[in-house]
C-alpha atoms as a PDB file:
ATOM      1  CA  MET A   1       5.892  20.357  16.060  1.00  0.00           C
ATOM      2  CA  PRO A   2       9.394  21.366  13.803  1.00  0.00           C
ATOM      3  CA  ALA A   3      10.948  17.887  12.134  1.00  0.00           C
ATOM      4  CA  HIS A   4      13.889  18.106  14.574  1.00  0.00           C
ATOM      5  CA  ALA A   5      11.916  19.123  18.154  1.00  0.00           C
ATOM      6  CA  LYS A   6      11.951  16.240  20.373  1.00  0.00           C
ATOM      7  CA  PRO A   7       8.814  14.232  21.251  1.00  0.00           C
ATOM      8  CA  ALA A   8       6.959  15.121  24.331  1.00  0.00           C
ATOM      9  CA  PHE A   9       8.623  12.381  26.583  1.00  0.00           C
ATOM     10  CA  THR A  10      10.642   9.544  25.984  1.00  0.00           C
ATOM     11  CA  PRO A  11       8.863   6.465  25.640  1.00  0.00           C
ATOM     12  CA  PHE A  12       8.787   4.515  29.159  1.00  0.00           C
ATOM     13  CA  ALA A  13      10.855   6.648  30.434  1.00  0.00           C
ATOM     14  CA  ASP A  14       8.567   7.843  33.310  1.00  0.00           C
ATOM     15  CA  ASP A  15       5.611   7.525  34.228  1.00  0.00           C
ATOM     16  CA  ALA A  16       4.177  11.114  34.053  1.00  0.00           C
ATOM     17  CA  ALA A  17       5.189  12.712  31.290  1.00  0.00           C
ATOM     18  CA  VAL A  18       2.058  13.282  28.987  1.00  0.00           C
ATOM     19  CA  GLN A  19       1.769  14.448  25.669  1.00  0.00           C
ATOM     20  CA  THR A  20      -1.718  15.928  23.665  1.00  0.00           C
ATOM     21  CA  LEU A  21      -2.450  15.843  20.083  1.00  0.00           C
ATOM     22  CA  GLY A  22      -5.929  17.266  19.862  1.00  0.00           C
ATOM     23  CA  GLY A  23      -8.605  15.213  21.528  1.00  0.00           C
ATOM     24  CA  LEU A  24      -5.636  11.920  21.882  1.00  0.00           C
ATOM     25  CA  THR A  25      -3.826  11.779  25.423  1.00  0.00           C
ATOM     26  CA  LEU A  26      -0.228   9.798  24.954  1.00  0.00           C
ATOM     27  CA  GLU A  27       0.629   8.362  28.564  1.00  0.00           C
ATOM     28  CA  ASN A  28       4.047   7.465  29.392  1.00  0.00           C
ATOM     29  CA  GLY A  29       5.025   4.858  31.883  1.00  0.00           C
ATOM     30  CA  THR A  30       8.142   2.158  32.502  1.00  0.00           C
ATOM     31  CA  ALA A  31       6.049  -0.678  31.712  1.00  0.00           C
ATOM     32  CA  ARG A  32       3.129   0.511  28.888  1.00  0.00           C
ATOM     33  CA  ILE A  33       2.401   3.344  27.321  1.00  0.00           C
ATOM     34  CA  ALA A  34      -1.566   4.338  26.765  1.00  0.00           C
ATOM     35  CA  LEU A  35      -3.600   6.107  24.561  1.00  0.00           C
ATOM     36  CA  HIS A  36      -6.193   7.731  24.854  1.00  0.00           C
ATOM     37  CA  GLY A  37      -9.685  10.080  23.518  1.00  0.00           C
ATOM     38  CA  SER A  38      -9.581  10.524  19.517  1.00  0.00           C
ATOM     39  CA  LEU A  39      -7.573  12.396  17.148  1.00  0.00           C
ATOM     40  CA  ASP A  40      -9.214  13.655  13.438  1.00  0.00           C
ATOM     41  CA  PHE A  41      -6.901  14.915  10.303  1.00  0.00           C
ATOM     42  CA  ALA A  42      -8.760  17.733   7.778  1.00  0.00           C
ATOM     43  CA  ARG A  43      -7.443  18.690   4.994  1.00  0.00           C
ATOM     44  CA  ASP A  44      -5.290  21.642   6.805  1.00  0.00           C
ATOM     45  CA  ARG A  45      -1.810  22.686   8.403  1.00  0.00           C
ATOM     46  CA  GLU A  46      -2.933  22.094  11.422  1.00  0.00           C
ATOM     47  CA  SER A  47      -3.552  18.556  10.451  1.00  0.00           C
ATOM     48  CA  LEU A  48      -0.353  17.028   8.898  1.00  0.00           C
ATOM     49  CA  GLU A  49       1.119  19.280  12.120  1.00  0.00           C
ATOM     50  CA  ARG A  50      -0.585  16.607  14.066  1.00  0.00           C
ATOM     51  CA  ALA A  51      -0.169  14.682  11.556  1.00  0.00           C
ATOM     52  CA  ARG A  52       3.747  14.477  11.840  1.00  0.00           C
ATOM     53  CA  ALA A  53       4.125  14.906  15.544  1.00  0.00           C
ATOM     54  CA  LEU A  54       1.592  11.887  15.954  1.00  0.00           C
ATOM     55  CA  MET A  55       4.682  10.142  13.735  1.00  0.00           C
ATOM     56  CA  GLN A  56       7.252  11.400  15.606  1.00  0.00           C
ATOM     57  CA  THR A  57       5.820  10.131  18.851  1.00  0.00           C
ATOM     58  CA  LEU A  58       5.265   7.099  17.060  1.00  0.00           C
ATOM     59  CA  ALA A  59       8.791   6.902  15.563  1.00  0.00           C
ATOM     60  CA  ALA A  60      10.538   7.180  18.944  1.00  0.00           C
ATOM     61  CA  ILE A  61       8.353   4.448  20.251  1.00  0.00           C
ATOM     62  CA  VAL A  62       9.301   1.564  17.613  1.00  0.00           C
ATOM     63  CA  ALA A  63      12.564   2.403  18.294  1.00  0.00           C
ATOM     64  CA  ALA A  64      12.504   2.658  21.754  1.00  0.00           C
ATOM     65  CA  LEU A  65      10.583  -1.296  21.440  1.00  0.00           C
ATOM     66  CA  GLU A  66      13.413  -2.232  18.299  1.00  0.00           C
ATOM     67  CA  GLY A  67      15.713  -1.515  21.793  1.00  0.00           C
ATOM     68  CA  GLU A  68      15.035  -4.082  23.556  1.00  0.00           C
ATOM     69  CA  GLY A  69      16.774  -7.358  22.492  1.00  0.00           C
ATOM     70  CA  HIS A  70      14.656  -9.075  23.498  1.00  0.00           C
ATOM     71  CA  LEU A  71      10.990  -8.792  24.069  1.00  0.00           C
ATOM     72  CA  PRO A  72       7.786 -11.042  25.084  1.00  0.00           C
ATOM     73  CA  GLU A  73       5.623 -12.203  22.913  1.00  0.00           C
ATOM     74  CA  ARG A  74       3.366 -10.470  25.514  1.00  0.00           C
ATOM     75  CA  ALA A  75       3.824  -8.286  28.243  1.00  0.00           C
ATOM     76  CA  GLU A  76       2.857  -9.372  31.329  1.00  0.00           C
ATOM     77  CA  GLU A  77       0.325  -6.931  33.737  1.00  0.00           C
ATOM     78  CA  VAL A  78       1.966  -5.270  36.052  1.00  0.00           C
ATOM     79  CA  ARG A  79      -0.765  -5.236  39.640  1.00  0.00           C
ATOM     80  CA  VAL A  80       0.771  -3.185  41.929  1.00  0.00           C
ATOM     81  CA  ALA A  81      -0.712  -3.928  45.752  1.00  0.00           C
ATOM     82  CA  THR A  82      -3.640  -1.513  47.425  1.00  0.00           C
ATOM     83  CA  GLN A  83      -3.503  -1.332  50.458  1.00  0.00           C
ATOM     84  CA  ALA A  84      -7.457  -0.592  52.571  1.00  0.00           C
ATOM     85  CA  VAL A  85      -8.393   2.577  54.384  1.00  0.00           C
ATOM     86  CA  ARG A  86     -10.132   4.050  57.364  1.00  0.00           C
ATOM     87  CA  ASN A  87     -13.082   6.164  55.498  1.00  0.00           C
ATOM     88  CA  PRO A  88     -12.887   9.937  57.113  1.00  0.00           C
ATOM     89  CA  PHE A  89     -16.093  10.431  56.414  1.00  0.00           C
ATOM     90  CA  GLY A  90     -17.520   7.832  59.360  1.00  0.00           C
END
């Protein structure tokens, strides 16, 4: 990713954007950003580009958090209400 390129998502802006770097997936959310998978770095140009992209994305996350002003010590868990549905198979 070139130095002037924007990250694949704006941190905490939506609940849909996803960025994939090698085997690492970053899932955007308005309350949390989740990272899943693994990412290997070798001594090659592809690894350098992945490292730069990861660094740029993490810098955007840090900037978004720093821009919040007052942050709680720890964010509360967001619980989504579930609803039972009829089993369509029986």
